[in-house]
C-alpha atoms as a PDB file:
ATOM      1  CA  UNK A   1       3.734 107.296  78.885  1.00  0.00           C
ATOM      2  CA  UNK A   2       4.560 106.579  75.228  1.00  0.00           C
ATOM      3  CA  UNK A   3       1.894 107.235  72.593  1.00  0.00           C
ATOM      4  CA  UNK A   4       2.529 106.046  69.036  1.00  0.00           C
ATOM      5  CA  UNK A   5       0.445 107.241  66.089  1.00  0.00           C
ATOM      6  CA  UNK A   6       0.727 105.120  62.950  1.00  0.00           C
ATOM      7  CA  UNK A   7      -0.654 106.020  59.524  1.00  0.00           C
ATOM      8  CA  UNK A   8      -1.407 102.865  57.568  1.00  0.00           C
ATOM      9  CA  UNK A   9      -3.099 102.206  54.255  1.00  0.00           C
ATOM     10  CA  UNK A  10      -6.367 100.320  54.541  1.00  0.00           C
ATOM     11  CA  UNK A  11      -6.297  96.659  53.684  1.00  0.00           C
ATOM     12  CA  UNK A  12      -4.544  94.928  56.569  1.00  0.00           C
ATOM     13  CA  UNK A  13      -6.472  92.393  58.627  1.00  0.00           C
ATOM     14  CA  UNK A  14      -7.245  92.912  62.301  1.00  0.00           C
ATOM     15  CA  UNK A  15      -4.752  90.138  63.111  1.00  0.00           C
ATOM     16  CA  UNK A  16      -2.018  91.967  61.148  1.00  0.00           C
ATOM     17  CA  UNK A  17      -2.772  95.208  62.984  1.00  0.00           C
ATOM     18  CA  UNK A  18      -2.641  93.424  66.349  1.00  0.00           C
ATOM     19  CA  UNK A  19       0.773  91.964  65.460  1.00  0.00           C
ATOM     20  CA  UNK A  20       1.934  95.436  64.400  1.00  0.00           C
ATOM     21  CA  UNK A  21       0.757  97.029  67.669  1.00  0.00           C
ATOM     22  CA  UNK A  22       2.327  94.257  69.758  1.00  0.00           C
ATOM     23  CA  UNK A  23       5.623  94.600  67.883  1.00  0.00           C
ATOM     24  CA  UNK A  24       5.647  98.381  68.284  1.00  0.00           C
ATOM     25  CA  UNK A  25       4.860  98.063  71.994  1.00  0.00           C
ATOM     26  CA  UNK A  26       7.734  95.600  72.429  1.00  0.00           C
ATOM     27  CA  UNK A  27      10.105  97.866  70.467  1.00  0.00           C
ATOM     28  CA  UNK A  28       9.266 100.887  72.641  1.00  0.00           C
ATOM     29  CA  UNK A  29       9.793  98.820  75.789  1.00  0.00           C
ATOM     30  CA  UNK A  30      13.349  97.961  74.657  1.00  0.00           C
ATOM     31  CA  UNK A  31      14.200 101.611  75.334  1.00  0.00           C
ATOM     32  CA  UNK A  32      11.497 103.101  77.560  1.00  0.00           C
ATOM     33  CA  UNK A  33      10.969 101.423  80.953  1.00  0.00           C
ATOM     34  CA  UNK A  34       7.177 101.254  80.709  1.00  0.00           C
ATOM     35  CA  UNK A  35       4.804  98.356  81.313  1.00  0.00           C
ATOM     36  CA  UNK A  36       2.937  97.150  78.204  1.00  0.00           C
ATOM     37  CA  UNK A  37      -0.355  98.600  79.421  1.00  0.00           C
ATOM     38  CA  UNK A  38       1.238 102.065  79.529  1.00  0.00           C
ATOM     39  CA  UNK A  39       2.162 102.060  75.814  1.00  0.00           C
ATOM     40  CA  UNK A  40      -0.610 103.381  73.560  1.00  0.00           C
ATOM     41  CA  UNK A  41      -0.631 102.642  69.820  1.00  0.00           C
ATOM     42  CA  UNK A  42      -3.156 104.372  67.562  1.00  0.00           C
ATOM     43  CA  UNK A  43      -3.603 103.310  63.949  1.00  0.00           C
ATOM     44  CA  UNK A  44      -4.989 105.871  61.546  1.00  0.00           C
ATOM     45  CA  UNK A  45      -6.075 104.062  58.393  1.00  0.00           C
ATOM     46  CA  UNK A  46      -6.063 105.885  55.071  1.00  0.00           C
ATOM     47  CA  UNK A  47      -7.707 104.975  51.809  1.00  0.00           C
ATOM     48  CA  UNK A  48      -5.162 104.126  49.101  1.00  0.00           C
ATOM     49  CA  UNK A  49      -6.722 106.876  46.968  1.00  0.00           C
ATOM     50  CA  UNK A  50      -5.705 109.401  49.660  1.00  0.00           C
ATOM     51  CA  UNK A  51      -2.000 108.560  49.536  1.00  0.00           C
ATOM     52  CA  UNK A  52       0.580 109.215  46.848  1.00  0.00           C
ATOM     53  CA  UNK A  53       4.359 108.845  46.873  1.00  0.00           C
ATOM     54  CA  UNK A  54       6.658 109.536  43.971  1.00  0.00           C
ATOM     55  CA  UNK A  55       3.725 110.768  41.866  1.00  0.00           C
ATOM     56  CA  UNK A  56       2.148 107.323  42.105  1.00  0.00           C
ATOM     57  CA  UNK A  57      -0.832 106.066  44.033  1.00  0.00           C
ATOM     58  CA  UNK A  58       0.161 103.265  46.386  1.00  0.00           C
ATOM     59  CA  UNK A  59      -1.533 100.111  47.573  1.00  0.00           C
ATOM     60  CA  UNK A  60      -0.645  98.278  50.781  1.00  0.00           C
ATOM     61  CA  UNK A  61       1.909  95.513  50.533  1.00  0.00           C
ATOM     62  CA  UNK A  62       0.855  92.132  51.906  1.00  0.00           C
ATOM     63  CA  UNK A  63       1.731  91.599  55.552  1.00  0.00           C
ATOM     64  CA  UNK A  64       4.750  89.427  56.267  1.00  0.00           C
ATOM     65  CA  UNK A  65       4.017  86.022  57.780  1.00  0.00           C
ATOM     66  CA  UNK A  66       4.282  85.592  61.539  1.00  0.00           C
ATOM     67  CA  UNK A  67       7.884  84.377  62.134  1.00  0.00           C
ATOM     68  CA  UNK A  68       6.860  82.128  65.020  1.00  0.00           C
ATOM     69  CA  UNK A  69       4.657  80.151  62.624  1.00  0.00           C
ATOM     70  CA  UNK A  70       7.595  79.684  60.252  1.00  0.00           C
ATOM     71  CA  UNK A  71       9.832  78.403  63.073  1.00  0.00           C
ATOM     72  CA  UNK A  72       7.136  76.024  64.356  1.00  0.00           C
ATOM     73  CA  UNK A  73       6.615  74.624  60.852  1.00  0.00           C
ATOM     74  CA  UNK A  74      10.374  74.180  60.397  1.00  0.00           C
ATOM     75  CA  UNK A  75      10.704  72.322  63.693  1.00  0.00           C
ATOM     76  CA  UNK A  76       7.736  70.111  62.843  1.00  0.00           C
ATOM     77  CA  UNK A  77       9.302  69.180  59.489  1.00  0.00           C
ATOM     78  CA  UNK A  78      12.789  68.766  60.953  1.00  0.00           C
ATOM     79  CA  UNK A  79      11.797  66.677  63.976  1.00  0.00           C
ATOM     80  CA  UNK A  80      12.148  63.279  62.266  1.00  0.00           C
ATOM     81  CA  UNK A  81      15.574  64.299  60.955  1.00  0.00           C
ATOM     82  CA  UNK A  82      17.093  65.606  64.202  1.00  0.00           C
ATOM     83  CA  UNK A  83      16.122  62.745  66.512  1.00  0.00           C
ATOM     84  CA  UNK A  84      18.978  60.305  67.117  1.00  0.00           C
ATOM     85  CA  UNK A  85      19.423  57.388  69.488  1.00  0.00           C
ATOM     86  CA  UNK A  86      16.054  57.948  71.147  1.00  0.00           C
ATOM     87  CA  UNK A  87      17.053  61.435  72.302  1.00  0.00           C
ATOM     88  CA  UNK A  88      15.430  64.229  70.401  1.00  0.00           C
ATOM     89  CA  UNK A  89      17.398  67.423  69.815  1.00  0.00           C
ATOM     90  CA  UNK A  90      14.123  69.357  69.721  1.00  0.00           C
ATOM     91  CA  UNK A  91      13.307  68.370  73.312  1.00  0.00           C
ATOM     92  CA  UNK A  92      16.875  69.230  74.318  1.00  0.00           C
ATOM     93  CA  UNK A  93      16.637  72.638  72.625  1.00  0.00           C
ATOM     94  CA  UNK A  94      13.319  73.318  74.343  1.00  0.00           C
ATOM     95  CA  UNK A  95      14.941  72.494  77.685  1.00  0.00           C
ATOM     96  CA  UNK A  96      17.821  74.873  76.981  1.00  0.00           C
ATOM     97  CA  UNK A  97      15.421  77.661  76.057  1.00  0.00           C
ATOM     98  CA  UNK A  98      13.371  77.132  79.214  1.00  0.00           C
ATOM     99  CA  UNK A  99      16.548  77.091  81.324  1.00  0.00           C
ATOM    100  CA  UNK A 100      17.712  80.307  79.706  1.00  0.00           C
ATOM    101  CA  UNK A 101      14.371  81.984  80.342  1.00  0.00           C
ATOM    102  CA  UNK A 102      14.346  80.984  84.009  1.00  0.00           C
ATOM    103  CA  UNK A 103      17.953  82.241  84.424  1.00  0.00           C
ATOM    104  CA  UNK A 104      17.034  85.629  82.900  1.00  0.00           C
ATOM    105  CA  UNK A 105      13.992  86.181  85.134  1.00  0.00           C
END
């Protein structure tokens, strides 16, 4: 089964590392027909002082925000705008997504 070894500079939160491992597991499963529990991800953290690229010491970049949080915030802000005539487009969109998921199962 797939085993991924990742070298990462220290400084990322446990939540960021969990998101990274989940994303890597999902990416592997797009190609390799393995259940999630069969994909192993190992993170090897390095001190920034132990890593140099281009003759410069590097520090970790901040993690990107979770995209699902951005979408949820957008929908929350847009909800008053996209409701018309008592029928809310958000509810309609949710129904379409659920229908699509049940058709793909």
